[in-house]
């Protein structure tokens, strides 16, 4: 499983880099999300965009605890941002999403950075 997760992470980063090189920063988050989804589908992945994730807490079920930007192969979350500066809370939110779903790995990708490598954060549960 670790090998599969690492390959997904590698493909997400590679695809995100291609997008950022071609388009640069400054577009809406939704634009980057749709294009990244398409690139990953073209690589053969099963990808769900804006997937509602239910949450159960103390017997109370919330049909939509949150929406994941991209869920890949039902085991990996990608949260897409397009902001000038990453806030620490973004990583904490993704970690919470991983805990709620039971997924082990996710990526936070901020297309708003001048250099995309400065906008990618790997989060493990």
C-alpha atoms as a PDB file:
ATOM      1  CA  UNK A   1       0.000   0.000   0.000  1.00  0.00           C
ATOM      2  CA  UNK A   2       2.837   2.410   0.807  1.00  0.00           C
ATOM      3  CA  UNK A   3       4.188   1.953  -2.715  1.00  0.00           C
ATOM      4  CA  UNK A   4       0.767   2.760  -4.201  1.00  0.00           C
ATOM      5  CA  UNK A   5       0.395   5.896  -2.042  1.00  0.00           C
ATOM      6  CA  UNK A   6       3.895   7.066  -2.912  1.00  0.00           C
ATOM      7  CA  UNK A   7       3.204   6.578  -6.632  1.00  0.00           C
ATOM      8  CA  UNK A   8      -0.018   8.577  -6.371  1.00  0.00           C
ATOM      9  CA  UNK A   9       1.859  11.353  -4.538  1.00  0.00           C
ATOM     10  CA  UNK A  10       4.570  11.359  -7.208  1.00  0.00           C
ATOM     11  CA  UNK A  11       2.001  11.561 -10.018  1.00  0.00           C
ATOM     12  CA  UNK A  12       0.067  14.349  -8.274  1.00  0.00           C
ATOM     13  CA  UNK A  13       3.247  16.391  -7.801  1.00  0.00           C
ATOM     14  CA  UNK A  14       4.369  15.795 -11.391  1.00  0.00           C
ATOM     15  CA  UNK A  15       0.977  16.761 -12.783  1.00  0.00           C
ATOM     16  CA  UNK A  16       0.755  19.829 -10.544  1.00  0.00           C
ATOM     17  CA  UNK A  17       4.217  20.940 -11.689  1.00  0.00           C
ATOM     18  CA  UNK A  18       3.185  20.630 -15.348  1.00  0.00           C
ATOM     19  CA  UNK A  19       0.080  22.726 -14.688  1.00  0.00           C
ATOM     20  CA  UNK A  20       1.990  25.375 -12.751  1.00  0.00           C
ATOM     21  CA  UNK A  21       4.701  25.646 -15.416  1.00  0.00           C
ATOM     22  CA  UNK A  22       2.058  26.059 -18.133  1.00  0.00           C
ATOM     23  CA  UNK A  23      -0.329  28.406 -16.316  1.00  0.00           C
ATOM     24  CA  UNK A  24       1.564  29.936 -13.399  1.00  0.00           C
ATOM     25  CA  UNK A  25      -0.086  31.255 -10.230  1.00  0.00           C
ATOM     26  CA  UNK A  26      -3.127  33.491  -9.999  1.00  0.00           C
ATOM     27  CA  UNK A  27      -6.059  31.449 -11.296  1.00  0.00           C
ATOM     28  CA  UNK A  28      -9.002  30.280  -9.223  1.00  0.00           C
ATOM     29  CA  UNK A  29      -8.586  27.168  -7.112  1.00  0.00           C
ATOM     30  CA  UNK A  30     -11.444  25.526  -9.041  1.00  0.00           C
ATOM     31  CA  UNK A  31      -9.543  25.871 -12.337  1.00  0.00           C
ATOM     32  CA  UNK A  32      -6.452  24.123 -10.983  1.00  0.00           C
ATOM     33  CA  UNK A  33      -8.609  21.424  -9.351  1.00  0.00           C
ATOM     34  CA  UNK A  34     -10.446  20.535 -12.584  1.00  0.00           C
ATOM     35  CA  UNK A  35      -7.235  20.475 -14.629  1.00  0.00           C
ATOM     36  CA  UNK A  36      -5.405  18.364 -12.020  1.00  0.00           C
ATOM     37  CA  UNK A  37      -8.335  15.962 -11.919  1.00  0.00           C
ATOM     38  CA  UNK A  38      -8.217  15.587 -15.714  1.00  0.00           C
ATOM     39  CA  UNK A  39      -4.459  14.948 -15.735  1.00  0.00           C
ATOM     40  CA  UNK A  40      -4.793  12.261 -13.061  1.00  0.00           C
ATOM     41  CA  UNK A  41      -7.706  10.591 -14.855  1.00  0.00           C
ATOM     42  CA  UNK A  42      -5.576  10.596 -18.017  1.00  0.00           C
ATOM     43  CA  UNK A  43      -2.908   8.734 -16.010  1.00  0.00           C
ATOM     44  CA  UNK A  44      -5.488   6.044 -15.239  1.00  0.00           C
ATOM     45  CA  UNK A  45      -6.558   7.027 -11.717  1.00  0.00           C
ATOM     46  CA  UNK A  46     -10.094   6.937 -10.353  1.00  0.00           C
ATOM     47  CA  UNK A  47     -10.602  10.503  -9.116  1.00  0.00           C
ATOM     48  CA  UNK A  48     -13.573  12.099  -7.348  1.00  0.00           C
ATOM     49  CA  UNK A  49     -13.774  15.907  -7.246  1.00  0.00           C
ATOM     50  CA  UNK A  50     -15.511  17.845  -4.449  1.00  0.00           C
ATOM     51  CA  UNK A  51     -16.414  14.560  -2.774  1.00  0.00           C
ATOM     52  CA  UNK A  52     -18.690  14.949   0.262  1.00  0.00           C
ATOM     53  CA  UNK A  53     -17.262  13.065   3.236  1.00  0.00           C
ATOM     54  CA  UNK A  54     -19.659  12.049   6.026  1.00  0.00           C
ATOM     55  CA  UNK A  55     -18.693  12.411   9.669  1.00  0.00           C
ATOM     56  CA  UNK A  56     -20.002  10.530  12.698  1.00  0.00           C
ATOM     57  CA  UNK A  57     -19.309  12.018  16.109  1.00  0.00           C
ATOM     58  CA  UNK A  58     -20.805  10.683  19.334  1.00  0.00           C
ATOM     59  CA  UNK A  59     -23.611   9.003  17.450  1.00  0.00           C
ATOM     60  CA  UNK A  60     -24.496  12.074  15.393  1.00  0.00           C
ATOM     61  CA  UNK A  61     -24.101  11.558  11.652  1.00  0.00           C
ATOM     62  CA  UNK A  62     -23.331  14.521   9.436  1.00  0.00           C
ATOM     63  CA  UNK A  63     -23.860  13.554   5.813  1.00  0.00           C
ATOM     64  CA  UNK A  64     -21.271  16.104   4.758  1.00  0.00           C
ATOM     65  CA  UNK A  65     -18.603  16.759   7.363  1.00  0.00           C
ATOM     66  CA  UNK A  66     -16.464  18.314   4.622  1.00  0.00           C
ATOM     67  CA  UNK A  67     -15.818  18.204   0.886  1.00  0.00           C
ATOM     68  CA  UNK A  68     -12.495  16.850  -0.292  1.00  0.00           C
ATOM     69  CA  UNK A  69     -11.121  18.686  -3.344  1.00  0.00           C
ATOM     70  CA  UNK A  70      -9.837  15.442  -4.886  1.00  0.00           C
ATOM     71  CA  UNK A  71     -10.021  11.862  -3.643  1.00  0.00           C
ATOM     72  CA  UNK A  72      -7.793   9.526  -5.635  1.00  0.00           C
ATOM     73  CA  UNK A  73      -8.306   5.758  -5.745  1.00  0.00           C
ATOM     74  CA  UNK A  74     -10.477   5.999  -2.606  1.00  0.00           C
ATOM     75  CA  UNK A  75      -7.338   6.263  -0.449  1.00  0.00           C
ATOM     76  CA  UNK A  76      -5.606   9.617  -1.025  1.00  0.00           C
ATOM     77  CA  UNK A  77      -6.752  13.242  -0.563  1.00  0.00           C
ATOM     78  CA  UNK A  78      -5.474  16.284  -2.429  1.00  0.00           C
ATOM     79  CA  UNK A  79      -6.444  19.693  -1.096  1.00  0.00           C
ATOM     80  CA  UNK A  80      -5.902  22.433  -3.668  1.00  0.00           C
ATOM     81  CA  UNK A  81      -5.234  26.053  -2.739  1.00  0.00           C
ATOM     82  CA  UNK A  82      -4.509  29.152  -4.774  1.00  0.00           C
ATOM     83  CA  UNK A  83      -3.365  31.624  -2.149  1.00  0.00           C
ATOM     84  CA  UNK A  84      -0.374  33.920  -1.790  1.00  0.00           C
ATOM     85  CA  UNK A  85       0.662  32.438   1.543  1.00  0.00           C
ATOM     86  CA  UNK A  86      -0.009  29.063   3.124  1.00  0.00           C
ATOM     87  CA  UNK A  87      -1.460  29.148   6.615  1.00  0.00           C
ATOM     88  CA  UNK A  88      -0.617  26.429   9.170  1.00  0.00           C
ATOM     89  CA  UNK A  89      -4.329  25.658   9.550  1.00  0.00           C
ATOM     90  CA  UNK A  90      -4.456  24.234   5.991  1.00  0.00           C
ATOM     91  CA  UNK A  91      -2.153  21.366   6.956  1.00  0.00           C
ATOM     92  CA  UNK A  92      -4.098  20.780  10.159  1.00  0.00           C
ATOM     93  CA  UNK A  93      -7.359  20.619   8.207  1.00  0.00           C
ATOM     94  CA  UNK A  94      -5.929  18.041   5.812  1.00  0.00           C
ATOM     95  CA  UNK A  95      -4.685  15.958   8.749  1.00  0.00           C
ATOM     96  CA  UNK A  96      -8.212  16.060  10.219  1.00  0.00           C
ATOM     97  CA  UNK A  97      -9.621  14.946   6.853  1.00  0.00           C
ATOM     98  CA  UNK A  98      -7.184  12.020   6.811  1.00  0.00           C
ATOM     99  CA  UNK A  99      -8.190  11.019  10.341  1.00  0.00           C
ATOM    100  CA  UNK A 100     -11.918  11.205   9.542  1.00  0.00           C
ATOM    101  CA  UNK A 101     -11.541   9.070   6.399  1.00  0.00           C
ATOM    102  CA  UNK A 102      -8.909   6.719   7.781  1.00  0.00           C
ATOM    103  CA  UNK A 103      -6.655   7.542   4.815  1.00  0.00           C
ATOM    104  CA  UNK A 104      -2.927   7.505   5.465  1.00  0.00           C
ATOM    105  CA  UNK A 105      -1.594  10.149   3.087  1.00  0.00           C
ATOM    106  CA  UNK A 106      -2.565  13.380   1.402  1.00  0.00           C
ATOM    107  CA  UNK A 107      -1.089  16.401  -0.312  1.00  0.00           C
ATOM    108  CA  UNK A 108      -1.755  20.078   0.121  1.00  0.00           C
ATOM    109  CA  UNK A 109      -0.974  21.830  -3.173  1.00  0.00           C
ATOM    110  CA  UNK A 110      -0.895  25.626  -3.360  1.00  0.00           C
ATOM    111  CA  UNK A 111      -0.811  26.863  -6.939  1.00  0.00           C
ATOM    112  CA  UNK A 112      -0.562  30.458  -5.680  1.00  0.00           C
ATOM    113  CA  UNK A 113       3.152  30.182  -4.888  1.00  0.00           C
ATOM    114  CA  UNK A 114       5.715  31.651  -7.279  1.00  0.00           C
ATOM    115  CA  UNK A 115       7.564  28.312  -7.075  1.00  0.00           C
ATOM    116  CA  UNK A 116       5.206  25.356  -6.767  1.00  0.00           C
ATOM    117  CA  UNK A 117       7.775  23.331  -4.815  1.00  0.00           C
ATOM    118  CA  UNK A 118       7.279  25.841  -1.992  1.00  0.00           C
ATOM    119  CA  UNK A 119       3.532  25.197  -2.090  1.00  0.00           C
ATOM    120  CA  UNK A 120       3.440  21.408  -1.742  1.00  0.00           C
ATOM    121  CA  UNK A 121       3.051  19.827   1.668  1.00  0.00           C
ATOM    122  CA  UNK A 122       2.825  16.090   2.278  1.00  0.00           C
ATOM    123  CA  UNK A 123       0.636  15.174   5.243  1.00  0.00           C
ATOM    124  CA  UNK A 124       0.605  11.683   6.767  1.00  0.00           C
ATOM    125  CA  UNK A 125      -1.867  10.219   9.235  1.00  0.00           C
END
